[in-house]
Protein backbone atom coordinates (compact mmCIF):
# COMPACT_ATOMS: atom_id res chain seq x y z
CA MET A 1 -203.08 -46.60 -28.15
CA GLN A 2 -200.97 -44.31 -30.27
CA VAL A 3 -201.90 -42.85 -33.90
CA LYS A 4 -198.94 -41.98 -36.31
CA GLY A 5 -200.07 -39.70 -39.16
CA GLY A 6 -196.81 -40.98 -41.63
CA GLY A 7 -193.06 -42.16 -41.48
CA VAL A 8 -193.62 -44.47 -38.95
CA ASN A 9 -191.16 -46.98 -38.33
CA ARG A 10 -190.11 -50.12 -35.97
CA GLY A 11 -188.34 -47.15 -33.40
CA ASP A 12 -192.43 -46.41 -32.93
CA VAL A 13 -193.14 -49.79 -32.31
CA ALA A 14 -190.56 -49.98 -29.82
CA THR A 15 -191.54 -46.59 -28.21
CA LEU A 16 -195.36 -47.72 -27.64
CA LEU A 17 -193.86 -50.93 -26.18
CA GLY A 18 -191.51 -49.30 -23.39
CA ASP A 19 -194.94 -46.81 -22.80
CA VAL A 20 -196.62 -50.17 -22.41
CA GLU A 21 -194.08 -51.15 -19.89
CA ASN A 22 -193.86 -48.43 -17.89
CA GLN A 23 -197.38 -48.19 -17.43
CA LYS A 24 -197.55 -51.71 -16.56
CA ALA A 25 -200.51 -52.11 -19.36
CA ALA A 26 -201.50 -55.72 -20.84
CA GLY A 27 -200.93 -54.31 -24.47
CA GLY A 28 -201.03 -51.41 -27.07
CA ALA A 29 -201.97 -50.60 -30.24
CA LEU A 30 -200.49 -48.51 -33.12
CA VAL A 31 -202.73 -47.17 -35.38
CA THR A 32 -201.06 -45.84 -38.54
CA LEU A 33 -201.74 -44.59 -41.78
CA GLU A 34 -198.89 -46.72 -43.47
CA LYS A 35 -198.78 -50.34 -44.20
CA PRO A 36 -196.55 -51.64 -41.10
CA SER A 37 -193.14 -52.73 -42.48
CA LYS A 38 -191.41 -56.11 -42.27
CA GLN A 39 -189.13 -54.65 -38.75
CA MET A 40 -192.33 -53.13 -37.50
CA ARG A 41 -194.43 -56.53 -37.89
CA THR A 42 -191.24 -58.24 -36.37
CA GLU A 43 -190.84 -55.92 -33.25
CA ALA A 44 -194.23 -56.20 -32.49
CA ALA A 45 -194.21 -60.21 -32.45
CA ASP A 46 -191.57 -60.31 -30.66
CA ALA A 47 -193.19 -57.96 -27.68
CA GLY A 48 -195.18 -60.97 -26.84
CA ARG A 49 -198.15 -62.25 -25.68
CA TYR A 50 -200.52 -61.64 -22.74
CA ALA A 51 -202.72 -64.25 -21.06
CA SER A 52 -206.32 -62.78 -20.03
CA LYS A 53 -207.14 -64.16 -16.67
CA LEU A 54 -210.92 -62.74 -17.01
CA TRP A 55 -211.11 -64.21 -20.40
CA HIS A 56 -210.27 -68.01 -19.65
CA TYR A 57 -206.52 -67.33 -20.12
CA LYS A 58 -207.01 -66.63 -24.09
CA ASP A 59 -203.78 -65.12 -25.26
CA TYR A 60 -203.65 -61.47 -27.15
CA PRO A 61 -200.75 -59.79 -28.72
CA ARG A 62 -199.07 -57.35 -26.32
CA ILE A 63 -198.75 -55.03 -29.63
CA GLN A 64 -200.46 -54.50 -32.36
CA ILE A 65 -200.27 -52.79 -35.44
CA LEU A 66 -203.31 -51.64 -37.79
CA THR A 67 -203.95 -49.41 -40.25
CA VAL A 68 -206.78 -46.54 -40.73
CA GLU A 69 -207.75 -48.39 -43.94
CA GLY A 70 -207.80 -51.60 -42.02
CA LEU A 71 -210.31 -50.11 -39.02
CA LEU A 72 -212.35 -47.93 -41.57
CA ASN A 73 -213.11 -51.44 -44.46
CA GLY A 74 -213.39 -53.42 -41.68
CA ALA A 75 -210.97 -55.68 -41.94
CA GLU A 76 -208.70 -55.29 -39.25
CA ARG A 77 -209.82 -54.39 -35.45
CA VAL A 78 -208.26 -54.35 -31.91
CA ASP A 79 -207.64 -58.18 -30.69
CA ALA A 80 -208.53 -57.57 -27.21
CA PRO A 81 -211.09 -59.39 -24.43
CA PRO A 82 -214.42 -58.18 -24.18
CA GLN A 83 -214.39 -55.65 -21.64
CA ILE A 84 -216.65 -55.96 -18.38
CA ASN A 85 -218.79 -53.08 -17.83
CA PRO A 86 -218.16 -51.70 -14.19
CA PHE A 87 -221.29 -49.60 -13.78
CA ALA A 88 -224.49 -51.36 -12.53
CA VAL A 89 -227.03 -51.77 -15.17
CA ALA A 90 -230.61 -51.13 -14.49
CA ALA A 91 -232.90 -53.55 -15.28
CA ARG A 92 -235.18 -52.71 -18.54
CA GLU A 93 -238.74 -51.76 -17.57
CA SER A 94 -241.50 -54.19 -19.07
CA VAL A 95 -243.33 -52.64 -22.00
CA ARG A 96 -246.62 -51.37 -21.15
CA GLU A 97 -249.87 -52.60 -22.92
CA LYS A 98 -251.00 -50.18 -25.80
CA GLN A 99 -252.98 -47.50 -24.26
CA SER A 100 -256.76 -48.04 -24.51
CA GLY A 101 -258.76 -45.07 -26.62
CA MET A 102 -259.40 -42.25 -25.12
CA LEU A 103 -263.39 -41.98 -23.91
């Protein structure tokens, strides 16, 4: 995940892709205040897609570009497989009967 305030360009997408490849990550997201340019969208699309082995091999974009505005108004979100909780979760305690009146 990278966040840029302004002056974003195709090079920022290429840098993110390089970081994703160096870290052997499945994908990355660039969050920016500005709308992405056509060159930025092309660079992200050219990065390809990855298939999630844990989610029936559904594929997702390797590089996603999101705007702060889109995230805040709910129009955009990171398209990624659901997360599996690595921690054990205790069973919920059953609901107790209401305490009867005091004597």
